[in-house]
Amino acid sequence: MTQDHSAFPALPVQTTQDGQDRRCGIEIEFAGPTELETGTLIANTFGGTVKDRGDHSVTVCDTDFGDIEVELDISLRKRDDLPFLQEGLDALRGLIPVEVVTPPLTRTQIEAFNTLCTALRAAGAMGSRSGVLLGFGVHLNPEIIAPDHRVTLDTITAYALLEPWLRNKEQIDPTRRMMPFVEAWPNGMITELAHTTYDTLADLMRMAASHITSRNQSLDLLPLFKHAQPDLFATLFDINDKTAARPTFHFRLPDSRIDEADWSLLQPWQLWRQVELVATNAPLLSALRDAWAIHDAAWFERTSAWVSTVDTLLDDHAARATP
């Protein structure tokens, strides 16, 4: 057996149903270097050619990982109905994040790409804890095994049951908690997932449609839903934004802490890996379901009690992503 020396531990299931290595796209938000400065830094680190598109966005073409996008606030940059938009974006630099968006990467590529965090830190990049208004995040887009695969469905349930614990462990920046981008899943949706084992993603989608009204959740399922069941998605979800269909989860919860010397992409990777470790541990997932039923039935039980319960069950099942 080949020994795995990667600093990024493997996910429990490493390949898709078709036998391909599962990949994961990365999105990092920060303030400090401009889009062009960031693109130049990426090209100097990973090769490639910087193409400035002139709308506060650049593409670094043909890097070691393929094309990498660098953009100033996607949602505002693409608006054409706001007067003096470009001047406004320039004036708000430092509050509106620059975002680096990678193509889907293998785990080995993610480890190599992680070196960019050190380079950006040296260039003055600032994360969410550098200022009171800097609510910046890191998004992971881990590829699913297959839409109706048992692990895919159980990952959604595992995330629901772990979300309060994940928020506690990540200590989400106060500004990000106030912004409408990483909302917690509704309690009713957690309860339905805890009480019901769904055998198809379509059935799970029908349940979720009564709880999900936007993409602004800590785990955004809408790209996956649209990819797996586009016709059903159009029927169930009356959401105006242009959701891009992708065969991935969209994990939005982690803070960007790129300016902190002891932080790297390994931290959000391990948060997500914890979810999949629970999803693939049937006895632990069952124990969490049973514990949620008790917690949910108790009046006025605090979130801290559930966090403590999750801690205990993770230890009992030796299932922590990190020691």
Protein backbone atom coordinates (compact mmCIF):
# COMPACT_ATOMS: atom_id res chain seq x y z
CA MET A 1 0.00 0.00 0.00
CA THR A 2 1.30 3.45 -0.95
CA GLN A 3 1.76 5.73 2.03
CA ASP A 4 -0.11 9.04 1.80
CA HIS A 5 2.17 11.94 2.76
CA SER A 6 -0.33 14.68 1.89
CA ALA A 7 -0.88 17.39 4.49
CA PHE A 8 -4.54 17.39 3.43
CA PRO A 9 -6.11 14.15 4.70
CA ALA A 10 -8.29 12.30 2.22
CA LEU A 11 -12.06 12.47 2.27
CA PRO A 12 -13.64 9.14 3.30
CA VAL A 13 -14.72 8.42 -0.30
CA GLN A 14 -12.08 9.67 -2.72
CA THR A 15 -13.65 8.89 -6.10
CA THR A 16 -16.92 9.58 -7.87
CA GLN A 17 -19.31 6.81 -8.85
CA ASP A 18 -17.53 6.79 -12.23
CA GLY A 19 -14.19 6.09 -10.57
CA GLN A 20 -12.71 9.57 -11.10
CA ASP A 21 -10.86 11.43 -8.34
CA ARG A 22 -13.26 13.75 -6.56
CA ARG A 23 -12.28 17.37 -7.03
CA CYS A 24 -13.04 20.56 -5.12
CA GLY A 25 -13.17 24.17 -6.26
CA ILE A 26 -11.84 26.87 -3.92
CA GLU A 27 -13.01 30.47 -3.46
CA ILE A 28 -11.05 32.82 -1.18
CA GLU A 29 -12.15 36.37 -0.28
CA PHE A 30 -9.82 39.05 1.10
CA ALA A 31 -8.96 42.74 1.03
CA GLY A 32 -5.65 44.39 0.23
CA PRO A 33 -4.12 43.47 -3.13
CA THR A 34 -6.12 44.53 -6.18
CA GLU A 35 -7.45 42.07 -8.75
CA LEU A 36 -4.53 42.82 -11.09
CA GLU A 37 -1.96 42.59 -8.31
CA THR A 38 -3.46 39.29 -7.18
CA GLY A 39 -3.54 37.92 -10.72
CA THR A 40 0.10 38.86 -11.21
CA LEU A 41 1.00 37.15 -7.94
CA ILE A 42 -0.82 33.99 -9.02
CA ALA A 43 0.98 33.98 -12.39
CA ASN A 44 4.34 34.45 -10.66
CA THR A 45 3.54 31.55 -8.32
CA PHE A 46 1.83 29.05 -10.62
CA GLY A 47 2.64 30.26 -14.12
CA GLY A 48 0.14 31.50 -16.66
CA THR A 49 -0.79 34.76 -18.35
CA VAL A 50 -2.85 37.53 -16.79
CA LYS A 51 -5.71 38.88 -18.89
CA ASP A 52 -7.35 42.03 -17.51
CA ARG A 53 -11.01 42.07 -18.60
CA GLY A 54 -11.41 45.70 -17.56
CA ASP A 55 -14.42 45.22 -15.28
CA HIS A 56 -12.64 44.70 -11.98
CA SER A 57 -11.86 41.13 -12.97
CA VAL A 58 -8.90 39.29 -14.43
CA THR A 59 -8.31 35.74 -15.62
CA VAL A 60 -5.00 34.03 -15.06
CA CYS A 61 -4.90 31.67 -18.03
CA ASP A 62 -3.01 28.40 -18.24
CA THR A 63 -1.72 28.18 -14.68
CA ASP A 64 -0.56 24.88 -13.21
CA PHE A 65 -4.23 24.32 -12.32
CA GLY A 66 -5.95 25.76 -15.38
CA ASP A 67 -7.62 29.18 -15.57
CA ILE A 68 -8.06 31.03 -12.26
CA GLU A 69 -10.51 33.93 -11.92
CA VAL A 70 -9.82 36.98 -9.74
CA GLU A 71 -12.79 39.29 -9.27
CA LEU A 72 -14.01 42.19 -7.16
CA ASP A 73 -17.36 41.29 -5.58
CA ILE A 74 -19.16 39.22 -8.20
CA SER A 75 -22.68 40.41 -7.31
CA LEU A 76 -21.95 44.15 -7.52
CA ARG A 77 -19.48 44.00 -10.39
CA LYS A 78 -22.06 42.57 -12.79
CA ARG A 79 -24.75 45.18 -12.08
CA ASP A 80 -25.34 47.56 -14.97
CA ASP A 81 -28.18 49.52 -13.40
CA LEU A 82 -26.24 51.37 -10.70
CA PRO A 83 -24.90 54.88 -11.47
CA PHE A 84 -21.18 55.49 -10.92
CA LEU A 85 -20.74 51.78 -10.18
CA GLN A 86 -17.07 51.55 -11.08
CA GLU A 87 -16.18 54.66 -9.08
CA GLY A 88 -18.14 53.27 -6.16
CA LEU A 89 -16.32 49.97 -6.26
CA ASP A 90 -12.97 51.74 -6.28
CA ALA A 91 -14.00 53.90 -3.33
CA LEU A 92 -15.10 50.87 -1.32
CA ARG A 93 -11.92 48.86 -1.75
CA GLY A 94 -11.08 47.21 1.55
CA LEU A 95 -14.74 46.58 2.36
CA ILE A 96 -15.72 44.78 -0.86
CA PRO A 97 -13.60 41.65 -1.16
CA VAL A 98 -11.39 40.48 -3.96
CA GLU A 99 -12.21 36.84 -4.67
CA VAL A 100 -9.95 34.16 -6.14
CA VAL A 101 -11.91 31.34 -7.80
CA THR A 102 -10.18 28.15 -8.91
CA PRO A 103 -11.35 25.43 -11.28
CA PRO A 104 -12.08 22.04 -9.67
CA LEU A 105 -8.85 20.75 -8.06
CA THR A 106 -7.69 17.35 -6.88
CA ARG A 107 -6.61 17.03 -3.28
CA THR A 108 -2.94 17.11 -4.33
CA GLN A 109 -3.57 20.28 -6.33
CA ILE A 110 -5.35 21.90 -3.37
CA GLU A 111 -2.28 21.26 -1.22
CA ALA A 112 -0.09 22.93 -3.87
CA PHE A 113 -2.54 25.83 -4.32
CA ASN A 114 -2.52 26.35 -0.55
CA THR A 115 0.94 27.95 -0.88
CA LEU A 116 -0.82 30.98 -2.38
CA CYS A 117 -2.12 31.83 1.10
CA THR A 118 1.44 32.53 2.28
CA ALA A 119 2.17 34.64 -0.81
CA LEU A 120 -1.03 36.65 -0.39
CA ARG A 121 -0.32 37.17 3.30
CA ALA A 122 3.12 38.54 2.42
CA ALA A 123 1.46 40.87 -0.10
CA GLY A 124 -0.78 42.33 2.63
CA ALA A 125 -4.01 40.38 2.13
CA MET A 126 -6.48 40.83 5.00
CA GLY A 127 -9.10 38.35 6.17
CA SER A 128 -12.35 38.67 8.07
CA ARG A 129 -10.76 39.30 11.46
CA SER A 130 -8.58 42.21 10.33
CA GLY A 131 -11.36 44.75 10.79
CA VAL A 132 -14.85 45.10 12.18
CA LEU A 133 -16.50 45.30 8.74
CA LEU A 134 -14.48 42.65 6.90
CA GLY A 135 -16.92 39.75 6.65
CA PHE A 136 -14.89 37.64 4.21
CA GLY A 137 -15.20 33.91 3.68
CA VAL A 138 -13.72 30.81 2.09
CA HIS A 139 -16.00 28.59 0.01
CA LEU A 140 -15.33 24.95 -0.81
CA ASN A 141 -17.10 23.17 -3.65
CA PRO A 142 -16.49 19.45 -3.05
CA GLU A 143 -17.64 17.23 -5.88
CA ILE A 144 -20.35 14.72 -5.03
CA ILE A 145 -19.99 10.97 -5.62
CA ALA A 146 -23.35 10.84 -7.45
CA PRO A 147 -26.67 12.63 -6.80
CA ASP A 148 -28.53 9.63 -5.34
CA HIS A 149 -25.52 7.99 -3.71
CA ARG A 150 -26.10 7.09 -0.08
CA VAL A 151 -23.09 9.15 1.01
CA THR A 152 -24.39 12.23 -0.82
CA LEU A 153 -27.76 12.01 0.92
CA ASP A 154 -26.23 11.23 4.31
CA THR A 155 -23.79 14.12 3.93
CA ILE A 156 -26.75 16.51 3.79
CA THR A 157 -28.18 14.98 6.98
CA ALA A 158 -24.78 14.97 8.68
CA TYR A 159 -24.31 18.65 7.86
CA ALA A 160 -27.70 19.54 9.27
CA LEU A 161 -26.90 17.83 12.56
CA LEU A 162 -23.37 19.24 12.73
CA GLU A 163 -24.02 22.83 11.68
CA PRO A 164 -24.37 24.34 15.20
CA TRP A 165 -21.22 22.49 16.23
CA LEU A 166 -19.34 23.65 13.11
CA ARG A 167 -20.32 27.26 13.80
CA ASN A 168 -19.09 26.93 17.36
CA LYS A 169 -15.76 25.42 16.32
CA GLU A 170 -15.15 27.93 13.54
CA GLN A 171 -16.12 30.90 15.77
CA ILE A 172 -17.62 32.74 12.80
CA ASP A 173 -16.64 36.40 12.58
CA PRO A 174 -19.39 38.68 14.03
CA THR A 175 -19.67 40.68 10.80
CA ARG A 176 -20.24 37.53 8.75
CA ARG A 177 -22.87 36.36 11.25
CA MET A 178 -24.78 39.61 10.65
CA MET A 179 -24.57 39.36 6.87
CA PRO A 180 -27.17 37.32 4.94
CA PHE A 181 -24.62 34.98 3.36
CA VAL A 182 -24.10 32.18 5.88
CA GLU A 183 -27.53 31.72 7.41
CA ALA A 184 -28.12 28.65 9.57
CA TRP A 185 -30.36 25.93 8.24
CA PRO A 186 -33.91 26.18 9.62
CA ASN A 187 -34.53 24.06 12.68
CA GLY A 188 -37.49 22.42 10.97
CA MET A 189 -35.31 21.22 8.11
CA ILE A 190 -32.80 19.72 10.55
CA THR A 191 -35.61 17.88 12.31
CA GLU A 192 -37.03 16.50 9.06
CA LEU A 193 -33.60 15.26 7.99
CA ALA A 194 -33.03 13.71 11.42
CA HIS A 195 -36.35 11.86 11.38
CA THR A 196 -36.40 10.71 7.73
CA THR A 197 -33.94 8.74 5.62
CA TYR A 198 -34.31 9.96 2.04
CA ASP A 199 -33.47 7.49 -0.72
CA THR A 200 -33.35 9.96 -3.61
CA LEU A 201 -32.18 13.52 -3.94
CA ALA A 202 -35.50 14.39 -5.60
CA ASP A 203 -37.41 13.40 -2.46
CA LEU A 204 -35.02 15.39 -0.31
CA MET A 205 -35.44 18.39 -2.62
CA ARG A 206 -39.21 18.31 -2.19
CA MET A 207 -38.78 18.51 1.57
CA ALA A 208 -36.10 21.20 1.39
CA ALA A 209 -38.22 23.43 -0.85
CA SER A 210 -40.46 24.27 2.09
CA HIS A 211 -37.45 25.51 4.09
CA ILE A 212 -34.97 27.03 1.61
CA THR A 213 -35.76 30.44 0.13
CA SER A 214 -32.30 31.62 -1.03
CA ARG A 215 -28.71 30.54 -1.63
CA ASN A 216 -27.54 32.50 1.41
CA GLN A 217 -26.97 29.50 3.65
CA SER A 218 -23.84 28.08 5.21
CA LEU A 219 -24.18 25.02 2.98
CA ASP A 220 -25.82 26.04 -0.28
CA LEU A 221 -27.53 23.03 -1.87
CA LEU A 222 -29.14 24.83 -4.79
CA PRO A 223 -26.33 24.34 -7.36
CA LEU A 224 -26.43 20.60 -6.65
CA PHE A 225 -30.21 20.48 -6.82
CA LYS A 226 -30.24 22.33 -10.15
CA HIS A 227 -27.55 20.03 -11.57
CA ALA A 228 -29.21 16.80 -10.48
CA GLN A 229 -32.86 17.66 -11.20
CA PRO A 230 -33.12 20.80 -13.37
CA ASP A 231 -36.81 20.39 -14.21
CA LEU A 232 -37.80 19.65 -10.62
CA PHE A 233 -35.61 22.53 -9.44
CA ALA A 234 -37.46 24.95 -11.70
CA THR A 235 -40.76 23.71 -10.30
CA LEU A 236 -39.79 23.82 -6.62
CA PHE A 237 -37.52 26.84 -6.21
CA ASP A 238 -38.72 30.32 -7.14
CA ILE A 239 -35.34 31.98 -6.71
CA ASN A 240 -34.42 34.92 -8.92
CA ASP A 241 -30.62 34.78 -8.85
CA LYS A 242 -28.80 32.83 -11.54
CA THR A 243 -27.93 29.64 -9.73
CA ALA A 244 -25.20 27.81 -11.65
CA ALA A 245 -25.78 24.07 -11.82
CA ARG A 246 -22.83 22.13 -10.41
CA PRO A 247 -22.29 18.54 -9.21
CA THR A 248 -20.96 19.86 -5.92
CA PHE A 249 -21.86 20.99 -2.45
CA HIS A 250 -21.24 24.71 -1.88
CA PHE A 251 -19.78 25.08 1.63
CA ARG A 252 -19.80 28.77 2.53
CA LEU A 253 -19.35 28.70 6.30
CA PRO A 254 -15.57 29.15 6.96
CA ASP A 255 -14.04 32.56 7.61
CA SER A 256 -11.17 33.84 5.47
CA ARG A 257 -8.29 34.24 7.91
CA ILE A 258 -5.64 34.61 5.28
CA ASP A 259 -3.63 37.19 7.22
CA GLU A 260 -3.15 34.87 10.23
CA ALA A 261 0.18 33.06 10.16
CA ASP A 262 -1.14 29.78 11.56
CA TRP A 263 -4.13 29.58 9.16
CA SER A 264 -4.34 27.83 5.81
CA LEU A 265 -6.90 26.11 3.61
CA LEU A 266 -6.37 23.02 5.73
CA GLN A 267 -8.74 24.47 8.35
CA PRO A 268 -11.84 24.76 6.10
CA TRP A 269 -10.87 21.45 4.46
CA GLN A 270 -10.93 19.72 7.83
CA LEU A 271 -14.27 21.30 8.72
CA TRP A 272 -15.79 19.81 5.58
CA ARG A 273 -13.99 16.51 6.04
CA GLN A 274 -15.60 16.27 9.48
CA VAL A 275 -19.02 16.35 7.84
CA GLU A 276 -18.15 13.51 5.49
CA LEU A 277 -16.56 11.46 8.29
CA VAL A 278 -19.91 11.58 10.09
CA ALA A 279 -21.86 10.87 6.91
CA THR A 280 -19.89 7.68 6.30
CA ASN A 281 -20.12 6.46 9.90
CA ALA A 282 -23.57 4.86 10.11
CA PRO A 283 -23.56 4.17 13.89
CA LEU A 284 -22.50 7.75 14.64
CA LEU A 285 -25.04 9.28 12.26
CA SER A 286 -27.77 7.15 13.86
CA ALA A 287 -26.67 8.24 17.34
CA LEU A 288 -26.80 11.89 16.26
CA ARG A 289 -30.30 11.42 14.85
CA ASP A 290 -31.50 9.91 18.12
CA ALA A 291 -29.81 12.62 20.18
CA TRP A 292 -31.38 15.37 18.05
CA ALA A 293 -34.85 13.97 18.70
CA ILE A 294 -34.24 14.35 22.43
CA HIS A 295 -32.65 17.79 22.06
CA ASP A 296 -35.38 19.05 19.76
CA ALA A 297 -38.15 17.90 22.11
CA ALA A 298 -36.64 19.68 25.12
CA TRP A 299 -37.98 23.14 25.83
CA PHE A 300 -35.45 25.99 25.89
CA GLU A 301 -32.40 23.74 25.59
CA ARG A 302 -29.48 25.89 24.52
CA THR A 303 -27.35 25.40 21.43
CA SER A 304 -24.37 24.90 23.74
CA ALA A 305 -26.00 21.71 25.01
CA TRP A 306 -26.19 20.34 21.47
CA VAL A 307 -22.56 21.31 20.81
CA SER A 308 -21.57 19.37 23.93
CA THR A 309 -23.61 16.37 22.76
CA VAL A 310 -21.87 16.37 19.37
CA ASP A 311 -18.47 16.61 21.07
CA THR A 312 -19.29 13.60 23.23
CA LEU A 313 -20.54 11.49 20.32
CA LEU A 314 -17.55 12.33 18.13
CA ASP A 315 -15.24 11.21 20.93
CA ASP A 316 -17.28 8.08 21.66
CA HIS A 317 -17.01 7.03 18.00
CA ALA A 318 -13.38 8.20 17.56
CA ALA A 319 -14.58 10.24 14.59
CA ARG A 320 -12.89 13.63 14.87
CA ALA A 321 -11.30 15.05 11.74
CA THR A 322 -8.50 16.48 13.86
CA PRO A 323 -7.05 15.15 17.12
